Amino acid sequence: MPDKIFIEDLKVRVQIGVIPAERRKWQTVLVGIEIPRPLGKASRSDRIEDSVSYWDVSKAVDKLARSRPRRLIECLAGDIGREVIKIFGVKRVKVSVKKFIVKEARYVGVQVTSRS
């Protein structure tokens, strides 16, 4: 199994929705991040410089999500993937976004993989 850093169900407040009235209100979505990365060096050195800080990733995701309204969670997922690659210099990131808009479903969501 390859090494990875992951964040599951990060609560993020966003303005998102196809209908303008939906975009006007803030909603909570859950974001998942998966960054494949060799972690052997960090597991021996105990240095954050040999890894990627999940704390810093979480803060960057929150800031990006709040930065502007969007229509689609697909767009939000893609924006997050590109930002994580840009800021943290990783080669690949998998992003999932869960939204609570369909009352008959626990949630709806997307998963997007971005590559550098």
C-alpha atoms as a PDB file:
ATOM      1  CA  MET A   1       0.000   0.000   0.000  1.00  0.00           C
ATOM      2  CA  PRO A   2       1.525   3.361  -1.000  1.00  0.00           C
ATOM      3  CA  ASP A   3       2.084   6.002   1.649  1.00  0.00           C
ATOM      4  CA  LYS A   4      -0.282   8.948   1.764  1.00  0.00           C
ATOM      5  CA  ILE A   5      -1.359  11.923   3.819  1.00  0.00           C
ATOM      6  CA  PHE A   6      -5.110  12.296   4.168  1.00  0.00           C
ATOM      7  CA  ILE A   7      -7.743  14.549   5.652  1.00  0.00           C
ATOM      8  CA  GLU A   8     -11.267  13.178   5.953  1.00  0.00           C
ATOM      9  CA  ASP A   9     -14.459  15.214   6.146  1.00  0.00           C
ATOM     10  CA  LEU A  10     -12.937  18.647   6.742  1.00  0.00           C
ATOM     11  CA  LYS A  11     -15.889  20.951   7.472  1.00  0.00           C
ATOM     12  CA  VAL A  12     -15.733  23.978   5.206  1.00  0.00           C
ATOM     13  CA  ARG A  13     -18.207  26.847   4.817  1.00  0.00           C
ATOM     14  CA  VAL A  14     -18.897  27.790   1.191  1.00  0.00           C
ATOM     15  CA  GLN A  15     -21.283  29.657  -1.046  1.00  0.00           C
ATOM     16  CA  ILE A  16     -22.132  27.089  -3.694  1.00  0.00           C
ATOM     17  CA  GLY A  17     -25.041  26.097  -5.902  1.00  0.00           C
ATOM     18  CA  VAL A  18     -26.399  26.267  -9.425  1.00  0.00           C
ATOM     19  CA  ILE A  19     -29.339  28.429  -8.363  1.00  0.00           C
ATOM     20  CA  PRO A  20     -28.354  32.016  -7.377  1.00  0.00           C
ATOM     21  CA  ALA A  21     -30.543  31.896  -4.238  1.00  0.00           C
ATOM     22  CA  GLU A  22     -28.604  28.833  -3.056  1.00  0.00           C
ATOM     23  CA  ARG A  23     -25.251  30.566  -3.636  1.00  0.00           C
ATOM     24  CA  ARG A  24     -26.315  33.544  -1.510  1.00  0.00           C
ATOM     25  CA  LYS A  25     -26.327  31.476   1.687  1.00  0.00           C
ATOM     26  CA  TRP A  26     -23.345  29.828   3.344  1.00  0.00           C
ATOM     27  CA  GLN A  27     -23.415  26.029   3.468  1.00  0.00           C
ATOM     28  CA  THR A  28     -21.201  23.442   5.087  1.00  0.00           C
ATOM     29  CA  VAL A  29     -19.563  20.862   2.833  1.00  0.00           C
ATOM     30  CA  LEU A  30     -17.146  18.107   3.769  1.00  0.00           C
ATOM     31  CA  VAL A  31     -13.819  17.978   1.952  1.00  0.00           C
ATOM     32  CA  GLY A  32     -11.514  14.988   1.751  1.00  0.00           C
ATOM     33  CA  ILE A  33      -7.884  15.265   0.637  1.00  0.00           C
ATOM     34  CA  GLU A  34      -5.563  12.413  -0.238  1.00  0.00           C
ATOM     35  CA  ILE A  35      -1.924  13.137  -1.121  1.00  0.00           C
ATOM     36  CA  PRO A  36       0.181  10.148  -2.169  1.00  0.00           C
ATOM     37  CA  ARG A  37       3.648  10.764  -0.784  1.00  0.00           C
ATOM     38  CA  PRO A  38       6.581   8.645   0.387  1.00  0.00           C
ATOM     39  CA  LEU A  39       6.637   9.008   4.155  1.00  0.00           C
ATOM     40  CA  GLY A  40       9.589   6.804   5.075  1.00  0.00           C
ATOM     41  CA  LYS A  41      11.965   9.729   5.582  1.00  0.00           C
ATOM     42  CA  ALA A  42       9.467  11.613   7.796  1.00  0.00           C
ATOM     43  CA  SER A  43       8.791   8.443   9.781  1.00  0.00           C
ATOM     44  CA  ARG A  44      12.500   8.279  10.635  1.00  0.00           C
ATOM     45  CA  SER A  45      13.373  11.986  10.972  1.00  0.00           C
ATOM     46  CA  ASP A  46      10.278  13.207  12.859  1.00  0.00           C
ATOM     47  CA  ARG A  47      10.590  16.469  10.845  1.00  0.00           C
ATOM     48  CA  ILE A  48       7.609  18.188   9.205  1.00  0.00           C
ATOM     49  CA  GLU A  49       9.954  19.324   6.424  1.00  0.00           C
ATOM     50  CA  ASP A  50      10.055  15.694   5.265  1.00  0.00           C
ATOM     51  CA  SER A  51       6.273  15.540   4.960  1.00  0.00           C
ATOM     52  CA  VAL A  52       3.323  17.806   4.157  1.00  0.00           C
ATOM     53  CA  SER A  53       1.567  19.546   7.035  1.00  0.00           C
ATOM     54  CA  TYR A  54      -2.067  18.458   7.126  1.00  0.00           C
ATOM     55  CA  TRP A  55      -2.697  21.521   9.311  1.00  0.00           C
ATOM     56  CA  ASP A  56      -1.373  23.864   6.600  1.00  0.00           C
ATOM     57  CA  VAL A  57      -3.307  21.967   3.913  1.00  0.00           C
ATOM     58  CA  SER A  58      -6.506  22.283   5.970  1.00  0.00           C
ATOM     59  CA  LYS A  59      -6.072  26.034   6.411  1.00  0.00           C
ATOM     60  CA  ALA A  60      -5.305  26.545   2.699  1.00  0.00           C
ATOM     61  CA  VAL A  61      -8.415  24.551   1.711  1.00  0.00           C
ATOM     62  CA  ASP A  62     -10.621  26.546   4.072  1.00  0.00           C
ATOM     63  CA  LYS A  63      -9.267  29.868   2.776  1.00  0.00           C
ATOM     64  CA  LEU A  64      -9.726  28.848  -0.861  1.00  0.00           C
ATOM     65  CA  ALA A  65     -13.252  27.523  -0.295  1.00  0.00           C
ATOM     66  CA  ARG A  66     -14.351  30.816   1.287  1.00  0.00           C
ATOM     67  CA  SER A  67     -12.630  32.955  -1.369  1.00  0.00           C
ATOM     68  CA  ARG A  68     -15.541  33.179  -3.823  1.00  0.00           C
ATOM     69  CA  PRO A  69     -18.948  31.694  -4.644  1.00  0.00           C
ATOM     70  CA  ARG A  70     -19.052  28.739  -7.053  1.00  0.00           C
ATOM     71  CA  ARG A  71     -21.810  26.943  -8.890  1.00  0.00           C
ATOM     72  CA  LEU A  72     -20.480  23.380  -8.840  1.00  0.00           C
ATOM     73  CA  ILE A  73     -18.761  21.222  -6.256  1.00  0.00           C
ATOM     74  CA  GLU A  74     -16.752  19.846  -9.189  1.00  0.00           C
ATOM     75  CA  CYS A  75     -15.249  23.324  -9.598  1.00  0.00           C
ATOM     76  CA  LEU A  76     -14.488  23.572  -5.883  1.00  0.00           C
ATOM     77  CA  ALA A  77     -12.790  20.159  -5.915  1.00  0.00           C
ATOM     78  CA  GLY A  78     -10.696  21.101  -8.954  1.00  0.00           C
ATOM     79  CA  ASP A  79      -9.721  24.462  -7.447  1.00  0.00           C
ATOM     80  CA  ILE A  80      -8.638  22.747  -4.228  1.00  0.00           C
ATOM     81  CA  GLY A  81      -6.552  20.175  -6.112  1.00  0.00           C
ATOM     82  CA  ARG A  82      -4.753  22.818  -8.174  1.00  0.00           C
ATOM     83  CA  GLU A  83      -4.110  24.966  -5.078  1.00  0.00           C
ATOM     84  CA  VAL A  84      -2.688  22.079  -3.040  1.00  0.00           C
ATOM     85  CA  ILE A  85      -0.350  21.181  -5.922  1.00  0.00           C
ATOM     86  CA  LYS A  86       0.734  24.808  -6.318  1.00  0.00           C
ATOM     87  CA  ILE A  87       1.318  25.583  -2.628  1.00  0.00           C
ATOM     88  CA  PHE A  88       2.730  22.281  -1.419  1.00  0.00           C
ATOM     89  CA  GLY A  89       4.558  21.105  -4.538  1.00  0.00           C
ATOM     90  CA  VAL A  90       2.963  17.678  -4.607  1.00  0.00           C
ATOM     91  CA  LYS A  91       2.558  15.720  -7.849  1.00  0.00           C
ATOM     92  CA  ARG A  92      -0.990  14.454  -7.325  1.00  0.00           C
ATOM     93  CA  VAL A  93      -3.930  15.019  -5.025  1.00  0.00           C
ATOM     94  CA  LYS A  94      -7.348  13.423  -4.793  1.00  0.00           C
ATOM     95  CA  VAL A  95     -10.131  15.702  -3.550  1.00  0.00           C
ATOM     96  CA  SER A  96     -13.659  14.747  -2.572  1.00  0.00           C
ATOM     97  CA  VAL A  97     -16.464  17.172  -1.757  1.00  0.00           C
ATOM     98  CA  LYS A  98     -19.705  16.104  -0.074  1.00  0.00           C
ATOM     99  CA  LYS A  99     -22.764  18.368  -0.112  1.00  0.00           C
ATOM    100  CA  PHE A 100     -26.010  18.034   1.829  1.00  0.00           C
ATOM    101  CA  ILE A 101     -28.625  19.249  -0.635  1.00  0.00           C
ATOM    102  CA  VAL A 102     -30.750  16.201  -1.510  1.00  0.00           C
ATOM    103  CA  LYS A 103     -32.896  15.447   1.520  1.00  0.00           C
ATOM    104  CA  GLU A 104     -33.445  11.828   0.443  1.00  0.00           C
ATOM    105  CA  ALA A 105     -29.681  11.189   0.433  1.00  0.00           C
ATOM    106  CA  ARG A 106     -27.184  11.371   3.274  1.00  0.00           C
ATOM    107  CA  TYR A 107     -25.024  13.456   0.927  1.00  0.00           C
ATOM    108  CA  VAL A 108     -24.074  13.881  -2.718  1.00  0.00           C
ATOM    109  CA  GLY A 109     -20.513  14.330  -3.836  1.00  0.00           C
ATOM    110  CA  VAL A 110     -17.691  14.270  -6.324  1.00  0.00           C
ATOM    111  CA  GLN A 111     -14.114  13.071  -6.365  1.00  0.00           C
ATOM    112  CA  VAL A 112     -11.505  14.733  -8.582  1.00  0.00           C
ATOM    113  CA  THR A 113      -7.856  13.785  -9.051  1.00  0.00           C
ATOM    114  CA  SER A 114      -5.488  16.639  -9.980  1.00  0.00           C
ATOM    115  CA  ARG A 115      -1.957  16.190 -11.276  1.00  0.00           C
ATOM    116  CA  SER A 116       0.924  18.612 -11.699  1.00  0.00           C
END
